[in-house]
Protein backbone atom coordinates (compact mmCIF):
# COMPACT_ATOMS: atom_id res chain seq x y z
CA MET A 1 0.00 0.00 0.00
CA LYS A 2 1.54 3.33 -1.03
CA SER A 3 1.83 6.16 1.45
CA ALA A 4 0.33 9.58 0.70
CA LYS A 5 3.85 10.95 0.34
CA ASN A 6 4.77 8.34 -2.27
CA GLU A 7 1.56 8.98 -4.19
CA GLU A 8 2.37 12.70 -4.33
CA CYS A 9 5.87 11.90 -5.59
CA VAL A 10 4.42 9.75 -8.37
CA ALA A 11 2.03 12.54 -9.31
CA PHE A 12 5.02 14.84 -9.85
CA GLN A 13 7.15 12.44 -11.91
CA ASP A 14 6.25 13.99 -15.26
CA LYS A 15 6.90 17.50 -13.95
CA LEU A 16 10.39 16.84 -12.59
CA PRO A 17 13.33 18.65 -14.21
CA GLU A 18 15.14 16.58 -16.82
CA GLY A 19 17.90 14.40 -15.42
CA THR A 20 16.46 14.30 -11.90
CA SER A 21 14.49 11.84 -9.81
CA VAL A 22 12.78 11.84 -6.43
CA LEU A 23 15.21 11.45 -3.53
CA GLU A 24 13.93 8.13 -2.23
CA SER A 25 16.01 8.34 0.95
CA GLN A 26 14.41 11.61 2.12
CA VAL A 27 13.11 11.12 5.66
CA ALA A 28 12.14 14.64 6.78
CA GLY A 29 11.59 18.19 5.55
CA HIS A 30 10.82 19.72 2.14
CA PRO A 31 7.96 17.36 1.18
CA PHE A 32 6.17 17.21 -2.15
CA ASP A 33 2.79 18.95 -1.93
CA THR A 34 0.31 18.61 -4.78
CA LYS A 35 -2.04 21.24 -3.33
CA LYS A 36 0.65 23.91 -3.09
CA ASN A 37 2.45 22.59 -6.17
CA THR A 38 5.75 22.54 -4.25
CA ILE A 39 8.62 20.20 -5.00
CA GLY A 40 10.61 18.11 -2.55
CA MET A 41 14.20 16.87 -2.47
CA LEU A 42 15.60 15.52 -5.75
CA LYS A 43 18.61 13.52 -6.85
CA SER A 44 20.54 14.36 -10.00
CA GLN A 45 22.10 11.88 -12.41
CA ASN A 46 25.55 12.63 -10.98
CA GLY A 47 24.36 11.40 -7.58
CA ARG A 48 24.09 14.77 -5.88
CA VAL A 49 21.15 15.91 -3.74
CA LEU A 50 19.10 18.90 -4.89
CA LYS A 51 17.46 20.84 -2.07
CA PRO A 52 14.79 23.31 -3.27
CA VAL A 53 14.77 26.88 -2.03
CA SER A 54 11.10 26.89 -1.12
CA LYS A 55 11.20 30.04 1.02
CA PRO A 56 13.43 32.72 -0.57
CA ILE A 57 14.57 34.46 2.63
CA LEU A 58 15.43 31.25 4.47
CA GLY A 59 16.90 29.67 1.36
CA GLU A 60 19.21 32.60 0.64
CA ARG A 61 20.32 32.55 4.26
CA GLU A 62 21.36 28.89 3.93
CA ILE A 63 23.10 29.53 0.61
CA SER A 64 25.09 32.33 2.22
CA PHE A 65 26.03 30.03 5.10
CA TYR A 66 27.41 27.36 2.74
CA GLU A 67 29.22 29.84 0.51
CA ASN A 68 30.82 31.66 3.44
CA LEU A 69 32.09 28.33 4.77
CA GLN A 70 33.84 27.61 1.46
CA THR A 71 35.88 30.82 1.62
CA ALA A 72 36.33 31.24 5.38
CA SER A 73 39.81 30.92 6.87
CA ASP A 74 39.11 31.04 10.62
CA SER A 75 39.64 27.82 12.59
CA THR A 76 36.00 27.54 13.69
CA SER A 77 34.62 27.66 10.14
CA LEU A 78 37.29 25.30 8.81
CA GLU A 79 36.46 22.73 11.47
CA LEU A 80 32.73 23.12 10.86
CA LEU A 81 33.25 22.57 7.14
CA GLY A 82 34.32 19.00 7.85
CA PHE A 83 30.94 18.19 9.42
CA THR A 84 28.73 19.51 6.60
CA PRO A 85 27.77 17.97 3.22
CA SER A 86 29.89 18.84 0.20
CA TYR A 87 28.53 22.01 -1.40
CA TYR A 88 28.50 22.43 -5.21
CA GLY A 89 26.71 25.75 -5.50
CA THR A 90 23.19 26.38 -6.76
CA LYS A 91 21.30 25.74 -9.98
CA GLU A 92 17.96 26.79 -11.38
CA MET A 93 15.63 24.34 -13.12
CA GLN A 94 12.11 24.30 -14.47
CA PHE A 95 9.46 22.61 -12.38
CA SER A 96 5.94 22.62 -13.75
CA ASP A 97 5.46 26.22 -14.92
CA LYS A 98 8.01 27.92 -12.67
CA THR A 99 11.75 28.24 -12.15
CA VAL A 100 13.07 26.76 -8.90
CA LYS A 101 16.49 27.35 -7.34
CA PHE A 102 18.23 24.35 -5.75
CA LEU A 103 21.22 23.87 -3.50
CA GLU A 104 23.43 21.13 -4.90
CA LEU A 105 24.85 19.00 -2.07
CA GLY A 106 26.70 15.74 -1.59
CA ASP A 107 24.59 12.66 -0.81
CA ILE A 108 25.40 11.12 2.57
CA THR A 109 24.09 7.76 1.32
CA ASN A 110 26.24 7.66 -1.82
CA GLY A 111 27.32 4.09 -2.51
CA MET A 112 25.09 2.54 0.17
CA ALA A 113 23.04 -0.46 -0.94
CA GLU A 114 20.54 -0.34 1.94
CA PRO A 115 20.77 3.15 3.47
CA CYS A 116 19.36 3.51 6.97
CA ILE A 117 18.93 7.22 7.76
CA MET A 118 17.77 9.18 10.80
CA ASP A 119 17.13 12.93 10.93
CA ILE A 120 17.66 14.29 14.46
CA LYS A 121 16.78 17.94 15.08
CA ILE A 122 19.03 19.29 17.82
CA GLY A 123 17.95 21.76 20.53
CA LYS A 124 14.97 22.41 22.78
CA ARG A 125 14.61 25.79 21.11
CA THR A 126 13.95 25.45 17.39
CA TRP A 127 12.89 29.03 16.62
CA ASP A 128 15.37 31.76 15.74
CA PRO A 129 15.59 35.34 17.09
CA LEU A 130 13.60 36.72 14.14
CA SER A 131 10.60 34.42 14.59
CA PHE A 132 7.15 35.92 15.14
CA PRO A 133 5.22 34.94 18.31
CA GLU A 134 3.00 32.58 16.29
CA LYS A 135 6.06 30.74 14.96
CA LYS A 136 7.58 30.50 18.42
CA LYS A 137 4.36 29.04 19.85
CA SER A 138 4.11 26.53 16.98
CA GLU A 139 7.70 25.38 17.47
CA GLN A 140 7.22 25.01 21.23
CA GLU A 141 4.29 22.67 20.69
CA LYS A 142 5.97 20.41 18.10
CA TYR A 143 7.85 17.34 19.39
CA SER A 144 7.46 18.86 22.86
CA GLU A 145 7.91 15.70 24.95
CA SER A 146 11.12 14.49 23.33
CA LYS A 147 12.61 18.00 23.21
CA ARG A 148 11.77 18.54 26.87
CA ALA A 149 13.31 15.20 27.91
CA TYR A 150 16.46 15.21 25.76
CA GLY A 151 16.87 18.51 23.96
CA PHE A 152 16.35 16.92 20.52
CA CYS A 153 13.61 15.31 18.45
CA ILE A 154 13.36 12.85 15.56
CA PRO A 155 11.34 14.18 12.58
CA GLY A 156 11.83 10.93 10.63
CA PHE A 157 13.96 7.92 9.79
CA GLN A 158 14.11 4.86 7.60
CA VAL A 159 15.71 1.48 8.22
CA TYR A 160 16.31 -1.69 6.21
CA ARG A 161 15.65 -4.56 8.60
CA LEU A 162 18.46 -7.07 8.93
CA THR A 163 16.00 -9.91 9.28
CA ASP A 164 14.42 -9.64 5.84
CA GLY A 165 15.84 -6.56 4.07
CA GLN A 166 12.44 -4.84 4.18
CA LEU A 167 12.47 -1.02 4.17
CA LYS A 168 10.52 0.63 6.99
CA LYS A 169 9.87 4.39 7.10
CA PHE A 170 8.84 6.45 10.11
CA GLY A 171 7.70 10.01 9.42
CA LYS A 172 6.89 13.14 11.38
CA ASP A 173 3.56 11.77 12.66
CA TYR A 174 5.49 8.98 14.36
CA GLY A 175 8.18 11.37 15.59
CA LYS A 176 5.71 13.81 17.16
CA LYS A 177 4.39 11.04 19.44
CA LEU A 178 7.80 10.10 20.83
CA ASN A 179 8.41 10.68 24.51
CA GLU A 180 11.19 10.02 27.02
CA LYS A 181 10.72 6.24 26.82
CA SER A 182 9.60 5.63 23.24
CA ILE A 183 12.42 7.69 21.73
CA ILE A 184 14.82 5.00 23.01
CA GLU A 185 12.73 2.36 21.28
CA ALA A 186 12.87 4.40 18.05
CA ILE A 187 16.69 4.47 18.21
CA GLU A 188 16.73 0.71 18.83
CA ILE A 189 14.61 0.19 15.72
CA PHE A 190 16.95 2.39 13.71
CA LEU A 191 20.00 0.49 14.98
CA ASN A 192 18.44 -2.84 13.97
CA ALA A 193 18.46 -4.22 17.50
CA SER A 194 16.86 -7.67 17.60
CA PRO A 195 14.32 -8.35 20.36
CA GLY A 196 16.06 -8.98 23.67
CA ASN A 197 19.49 -8.05 22.36
CA LEU A 198 21.59 -4.90 22.18
CA PRO A 199 22.39 -3.23 18.84
CA ASN A 200 25.65 -4.14 17.11
CA ARG A 201 28.55 -2.69 19.09
CA ASP A 202 30.67 -1.87 16.05
CA LEU A 203 27.81 0.14 14.53
CA ILE A 204 27.34 2.19 17.71
CA LEU A 205 31.07 2.95 17.98
CA LYS A 206 31.18 4.08 14.35
CA ILE A 207 28.27 6.45 15.01
CA LEU A 208 29.72 7.75 18.27
CA SER A 209 33.06 8.64 16.68
CA PRO A 210 31.82 11.53 14.47
CA LEU A 211 29.22 12.55 17.06
CA SER A 212 31.99 12.96 19.64
CA LYS A 213 33.96 15.17 17.24
CA ILE A 214 30.92 17.39 16.71
CA LEU A 215 30.39 17.53 20.48
CA SER A 216 34.00 18.60 20.95
CA PHE A 217 33.46 21.35 18.37
CA PHE A 218 30.43 22.73 20.22
CA ARG A 219 32.28 22.69 23.52
CA SER A 220 34.59 25.35 22.13
CA GLN A 221 32.87 27.24 19.28
CA LYS A 222 31.37 30.61 20.16
CA LYS A 223 30.89 32.00 16.65
CA PHE A 224 27.48 30.61 15.67
CA ARG A 225 24.06 29.88 17.13
CA PHE A 226 22.27 26.92 15.53
CA TYR A 227 18.47 26.79 15.66
CA SER A 228 16.40 24.00 14.09
CA SER A 229 19.52 22.37 12.65
CA SER A 230 19.73 18.60 12.28
CA LEU A 231 22.17 15.75 12.45
CA LEU A 232 21.77 13.19 9.68
CA ILE A 233 23.01 9.72 10.65
CA ALA A 234 23.30 7.07 7.93
CA TYR A 235 24.63 3.54 7.70
CA ASP A 236 24.47 0.72 5.18
CA ALA A 237 22.41 -2.21 6.50
CA LYS A 238 24.00 -4.49 3.90
CA ARG A 239 27.46 -3.74 5.28
CA LEU A 240 26.19 -4.22 8.84
CA ARG A 241 24.69 -7.59 7.92
CA GLN A 242 27.98 -8.54 6.27
CA SER A 243 29.97 -7.42 9.32
CA ILE A 244 27.85 -9.54 11.64
CA ARG A 245 28.28 -12.57 9.39
CA ILE A 246 32.07 -12.16 9.18
CA ASN A 247 32.80 -11.12 12.75
CA GLY A 248 29.96 -12.84 14.55
CA ASP A 249 27.39 -11.44 16.95
CA LEU A 250 29.03 -11.68 20.35
CA ASP A 251 25.96 -10.31 22.11
CA ASN A 252 23.96 -13.36 21.10
CA PRO A 253 26.04 -16.42 20.14
CA TYR A 254 22.90 -18.46 19.52
CA VAL A 255 21.83 -16.27 16.60
CA SER A 256 23.21 -16.77 13.12
CA MET A 257 22.21 -15.32 9.79
CA ASN A 258 21.47 -17.39 6.73
CA ARG A 259 22.26 -16.47 3.12
CA SER A 260 19.00 -14.64 2.54
CA GLY A 261 19.82 -12.31 5.41
CA THR A 262 17.26 -13.73 7.83
CA PHE A 263 18.09 -14.73 11.39
CA SER A 264 17.90 -18.28 12.60
CA SER A 265 18.16 -19.15 16.27
CA TYR A 266 19.84 -22.19 17.77
CA ALA A 267 18.45 -23.51 21.03
CA PRO A 268 21.15 -25.37 23.01
CA ARG A 269 20.60 -29.09 23.34
CA SER A 270 20.56 -30.77 26.72
CA GLY A 271 23.84 -32.52 25.94
CA ASP A 272 25.71 -29.37 24.98
CA LYS A 273 28.40 -28.02 27.25
CA PRO A 274 27.70 -24.61 28.79
CA ILE A 275 29.05 -21.53 27.04
CA PRO A 276 32.07 -20.19 28.95
CA VAL A 277 31.56 -16.79 30.52
CA SER A 278 34.58 -14.59 31.20
CA GLU A 279 35.07 -12.45 34.29
CA ASN A 280 33.64 -9.40 32.53
CA GLY A 281 30.49 -11.31 31.65
CA SER A 282 31.15 -11.70 27.92
CA LYS A 283 30.33 -15.01 26.26
CA SER A 284 32.64 -16.96 24.05
CA ILE A 285 32.28 -20.10 21.95
CA SER A 286 35.06 -22.50 21.30
CA PRO A 287 35.00 -25.58 19.04
CA GLU A 288 35.06 -27.70 22.18
CA SER A 289 31.84 -26.19 23.49
CA PHE A 290 29.80 -28.62 21.36
CA SER A 291 30.18 -32.25 20.46
CA PRO A 292 28.87 -32.94 16.95
CA PRO A 293 28.98 -36.42 15.47
CA LYS A 294 32.23 -37.26 13.73
CA THR A 295 30.44 -37.83 10.42
CA ILE A 296 29.12 -34.25 10.45
CA ARG A 297 32.57 -32.85 11.23
CA SER A 298 34.09 -34.90 8.41
CA ARG A 299 31.43 -33.80 5.96
CA THR A 300 31.90 -30.15 6.87
CA LEU A 301 35.68 -30.31 6.60
CA ASP A 302 35.40 -32.06 3.24
CA LYS A 303 33.20 -29.22 2.00
CA PHE A 304 35.66 -26.71 3.34
CA GLN A 305 38.51 -28.38 1.44
CA GLN A 306 36.44 -28.00 -1.71
CA LEU A 307 35.90 -24.37 -0.81
CA LYS A 308 39.64 -23.82 -0.35
CA ARG A 309 40.30 -25.20 -3.81
CA SER A 310 37.58 -22.93 -5.19
CA LEU A 311 38.97 -19.90 -3.40
CA SER A 312 42.44 -20.63 -4.68
CA SER A 313 41.22 -19.50 -8.08
CA PHE A 314 40.74 -15.97 -6.72
CA GLU A 315 43.56 -13.76 -7.89
CA ILE A 316 44.72 -11.50 -5.06
CA PRO A 317 45.92 -8.12 -6.39
CA LYS A 318 49.68 -7.75 -6.47
CA LYS A 319 49.74 -4.93 -3.93
CA GLU A 320 47.91 -7.15 -1.45
CA VAL A 321 50.87 -9.51 -1.36
CA GLU A 322 52.48 -6.85 0.79
CA LYS A 323 49.80 -7.45 3.44
CA PRO A 324 50.25 -11.17 4.16
CA GLN A 325 49.57 -10.87 7.89
CA THR A 326 46.27 -9.06 7.35
CA SER A 327 45.14 -11.50 4.66
CA ARG A 328 46.08 -14.55 6.73
CA ARG A 329 44.31 -13.14 9.77
CA VAL A 330 40.97 -12.50 8.06
CA LEU A 331 41.07 -15.85 6.27
CA SER A 332 41.91 -17.57 9.55
CA LEU A 333 38.82 -15.99 11.07
CA GLU A 334 36.75 -17.48 8.25
CA VAL A 335 38.23 -20.96 8.83
CA ASN A 336 37.54 -20.75 12.55
CA ARG A 337 34.02 -19.48 11.96
CA LEU A 338 33.19 -22.41 9.71
CA CYS A 339 34.68 -24.94 12.11
CA ARG A 340 32.79 -23.64 15.13
CA THR A 341 29.43 -22.96 13.47
CA HIS A 342 28.99 -26.36 11.88
CA SER A 343 27.76 -27.79 15.15
CA TYR A 344 24.78 -25.51 15.50
CA THR A 345 23.73 -23.96 12.21
CA HIS A 346 22.92 -27.29 10.56
CA ASN A 347 22.94 -25.75 7.09
CA PHE A 348 26.32 -26.52 5.52
CA ASP A 349 25.57 -25.63 1.92
CA ASN A 350 24.53 -22.12 2.89
CA ASP A 351 27.62 -21.83 5.10
CA ILE A 352 29.83 -22.56 2.12
CA ILE A 353 28.04 -20.00 -0.06
CA GLU A 354 28.27 -17.41 2.72
CA ILE A 355 32.00 -18.01 3.18
CA LYS A 356 32.57 -17.44 -0.53
CA GLU A 357 30.60 -14.21 -0.44
CA ASP A 358 32.37 -13.02 2.70
CA TYR A 359 35.78 -13.89 1.24
CA ALA A 360 34.99 -11.74 -1.80
CA ALA A 361 33.96 -8.93 0.53
CA ILE A 362 37.21 -9.26 2.47
CA LEU A 363 39.22 -9.02 -0.75
CA ALA A 364 37.25 -5.92 -1.74
CA GLU A 365 38.06 -4.30 1.60
CA LEU A 366 41.75 -5.23 1.33
CA CYS A 367 41.88 -3.64 -2.12
CA GLY A 368 40.10 -0.46 -0.99
CA ASN A 369 41.62 2.44 0.86
CA SER A 370 41.10 2.88 4.59
CA GLU A 371 38.41 5.55 4.15
CA GLU A 372 36.32 3.25 1.95
CA GLN A 373 36.67 0.39 4.44
CA GLN A 374 35.40 2.45 7.39
CA ASN A 375 32.93 4.69 5.58
CA TRP A 376 29.72 2.64 5.75
CA VAL A 377 28.58 4.80 8.69
CA ARG A 378 28.35 8.59 8.16
CA VAL A 379 27.15 11.62 10.11
CA ASN A 380 26.51 15.12 8.71
CA MET A 381 25.23 18.38 10.15
CA ILE A 382 22.45 19.69 7.89
CA ASP A 383 19.76 22.40 7.67
CA PHE A 384 21.30 25.83 8.16
CA THR A 385 18.40 28.17 7.41
CA HIS A 386 18.33 29.29 11.05
CA VAL A 387 22.01 29.81 11.83
CA PHE A 388 22.93 33.20 13.29
CA PRO A 389 26.15 34.85 14.43
CA ALA A 390 26.63 34.67 18.19
CA GLU A 391 25.97 37.99 19.91
CA ASP A 392 27.97 37.12 23.03
CA ASP A 393 31.09 35.20 23.95
CA GLU A 394 29.17 32.15 25.19
CA LEU A 395 28.76 28.55 24.09
CA ASP A 396 25.68 27.38 22.16
CA THR A 397 24.15 25.63 25.18
CA ASN A 398 20.93 24.87 23.27
CA TYR A 399 22.81 22.68 20.79
CA LEU A 400 25.20 21.34 23.42
CA GLU A 401 22.44 19.92 25.61
CA GLY A 402 20.86 18.07 22.70
CA ILE A 403 24.00 16.43 21.35
CA GLU A 404 25.27 15.53 24.82
CA ASN A 405 22.02 13.69 25.59
CA LEU A 406 22.03 12.01 22.18
CA ILE A 407 25.53 10.65 22.77
CA LYS A 408 24.57 9.46 26.27
CA LEU A 409 21.65 7.50 24.78
CA PHE A 410 23.90 5.79 22.25
CA GLU A 411 26.44 5.03 24.98
CA THR A 412 23.83 3.22 27.08
CA PHE A 413 23.74 0.51 24.41
CA LEU A 414 27.44 -0.19 25.07
CA ALA A 415 26.87 -0.92 28.77
């Protein structure tokens, strides 16, 4: 069943400027509106995002902000530039019977197969100093419970579920109902936490890294005041699924993922040895933890020998010969994973196929540069229509409170 937003997008397809398409990953702001004949976010053929200037005064203010950042030489602006999307200027295009100006920006989801995106508006106060009383009252009433509890709100997000690859979208109507408790549940959904288990630790750490850098920036910058500005967090669910398959899910050793990307659970048999628990409470599985029949072990090892012969046909790039320790380590992990999972996944053919796919992924990572390897999680500051110069020598406490609480929430999942 199509949502009203999707139906409006379809209605505009014939009116879109040539060489553009609807930005499918848009989760908040600048919606298509058939009644007002307004256009939403677009994507150009070169992969860049086109943000329409729907309100001239606010739009020109944001354009000035981006353009000033490109030419600024002070340390505050240079540091801020690293947290914002790439800016490629503006362009005017025909939409329906009118000319529309667009900001041309880099796409935070570029190259992601299954982009999961969350828009988080930072600050209890989302109205700027020039707002009329009516605007101030309206902003105070929107997302009031989450802003009061944490100093931020969630206008929208989308997530590709690890279990079945299905895309789920949560819009502003969902976000406006979030409160102190349910906002945590929303973040869990976004992080693909399975019922009863914490989100993937590696994913959380990769999100916390850029958030901490932005926090550090706001603990020192006294040049700007940010109102109604957002943080856009994105990660690739396909890469997360792949990471869990290669590295394992230490939070739940009884959960494995089959080739189609769905989870399968293993219930321990009465004859199985208990899983060792270390002093810090973490669980570990060793090959000795289970006692499979010898015939099953032999069959699995035979299949693995076939796999090794198949993998030997892969040609490792010449420059990777210089990384023998890294290559041997990741391949050793794959051998160990196969040997220890055969006792409880009970699906050997899929294991073999998965190992082949994961080996190809490992080779791709070894051939890529370090930025490509780590860049499946990204964070950008966006929406600068309400940024003003600071009138005093004080910190932006409105923004600081929101991002500090956001980081604390993410950190609770690491406990």
